[in-house]
Amino acid sequence: MKSITFKEAITYLKDGEIVLAGNRTSFYLDGDMITVHTPNSRYKLSLNEFRDLFVREQLYLYIPNSDGIDSEKDDAYYAWKRKNAN
């Protein structure tokens, strides 16, 4: 993962993206508050509070893993299976 600057993180959050700190803390914008989500807690911070707490943190843009199931291939497989089941 490529790290992003704090200023870039704010821009991504305003664009509706999810930003990460490490692999266990995520941030997303909910109205005018930033929601912080960890395995053990979830809380909201103002932009100023977020800046005060996380401005020196190594931040990353969340990019969903595309290694999941390919729905087109999945649909084709089940169509083939139904066709050949009879």
Protein backbone atom coordinates (compact mmCIF):
# COMPACT_ATOMS: atom_id res chain seq x y z
CA MET A 1 0.00 0.00 0.00
CA LYS A 2 1.15 3.50 -0.80
CA SER A 3 0.90 6.00 2.03
CA ILE A 4 -0.96 9.27 1.53
CA THR A 5 -0.52 12.67 3.12
CA PHE A 6 -2.92 13.96 5.72
CA LYS A 7 -4.22 16.55 3.23
CA GLU A 8 -4.85 13.79 0.66
CA ALA A 9 -6.63 11.74 3.34
CA ILE A 10 -9.03 14.61 4.02
CA THR A 11 -9.74 14.94 0.29
CA TYR A 12 -10.39 11.20 -0.03
CA LEU A 13 -12.68 11.23 3.01
CA LYS A 14 -14.68 14.12 1.53
CA ASP A 15 -14.97 12.10 -1.70
CA GLY A 16 -16.56 9.23 0.26
CA GLU A 17 -13.48 7.00 0.39
CA ILE A 18 -12.21 5.01 3.38
CA VAL A 19 -8.81 5.83 4.83
CA LEU A 20 -6.73 3.42 6.93
CA ALA A 21 -4.11 3.79 9.64
CA GLY A 22 -2.22 0.53 9.90
CA ASN A 23 -4.32 -2.53 9.28
CA ARG A 24 -6.77 -2.20 12.15
CA THR A 25 -8.06 1.39 12.12
CA SER A 26 -10.31 2.85 9.44
CA PHE A 27 -11.84 6.28 8.96
CA TYR A 28 -14.81 7.47 6.95
CA LEU A 29 -16.76 10.70 6.75
CA ASP A 30 -20.28 10.63 8.17
CA GLY A 31 -21.87 14.04 7.67
CA ASP A 32 -19.41 16.53 9.09
CA MET A 33 -17.82 14.05 11.51
CA ILE A 34 -15.13 11.47 10.89
CA THR A 35 -15.96 8.01 12.19
CA VAL A 36 -13.01 6.08 13.57
CA HIS A 37 -13.48 2.30 13.51
CA THR A 38 -11.17 -0.14 15.30
CA PRO A 39 -11.71 -3.80 16.28
CA ASN A 40 -12.72 -2.70 19.79
CA SER A 41 -14.38 0.67 19.32
CA ARG A 42 -16.14 3.10 17.06
CA TYR A 43 -16.33 6.83 17.72
CA LYS A 44 -16.75 10.13 15.91
CA LEU A 45 -14.37 13.06 15.77
CA SER A 46 -14.61 16.56 14.40
CA LEU A 47 -12.16 17.43 11.64
CA ASN A 48 -10.04 19.39 14.14
CA GLU A 49 -9.97 16.49 16.62
CA PHE A 50 -9.08 14.08 13.83
CA ARG A 51 -6.25 16.37 12.72
CA ASP A 52 -4.92 16.75 16.28
CA LEU A 53 -4.89 12.98 16.84
CA PHE A 54 -3.88 11.59 13.45
CA VAL A 55 -1.91 14.25 11.54
CA ARG A 56 1.38 12.38 12.13
CA GLU A 57 -0.09 8.91 11.52
CA GLN A 58 0.87 6.87 8.44
CA LEU A 59 -2.36 6.89 6.39
CA TYR A 60 -3.43 4.80 3.41
CA LEU A 61 -6.33 4.83 0.97
CA TYR A 62 -8.48 1.71 1.30
CA ILE A 63 -8.58 -0.21 -1.98
CA PRO A 64 -10.99 -3.17 -1.94
CA ASN A 65 -9.47 -6.54 -2.72
CA SER A 66 -10.52 -7.66 -6.19
CA ASP A 67 -9.57 -11.30 -5.57
CA GLY A 68 -13.16 -12.13 -4.70
CA ILE A 69 -15.67 -14.13 -6.69
CA ASP A 70 -16.19 -13.03 -10.28
CA SER A 71 -19.98 -12.79 -10.46
CA GLU A 72 -20.01 -13.16 -14.25
CA LYS A 73 -18.09 -16.45 -14.11
CA ASP A 74 -20.18 -17.55 -11.12
CA ASP A 75 -23.43 -16.93 -13.04
CA ALA A 76 -22.08 -18.76 -16.10
CA TYR A 77 -21.08 -21.77 -13.97
CA TYR A 78 -24.48 -22.08 -12.31
CA ALA A 79 -26.30 -21.64 -15.65
CA TRP A 80 -24.13 -24.45 -17.09
CA LYS A 81 -24.73 -26.62 -14.00
CA ARG A 82 -28.55 -26.16 -14.20
CA LYS A 83 -28.49 -26.92 -17.92
CA ASN A 84 -26.48 -30.14 -17.45
CA ALA A 85 -28.27 -31.31 -14.32
CA ASN A 86 -31.18 -32.76 -16.29
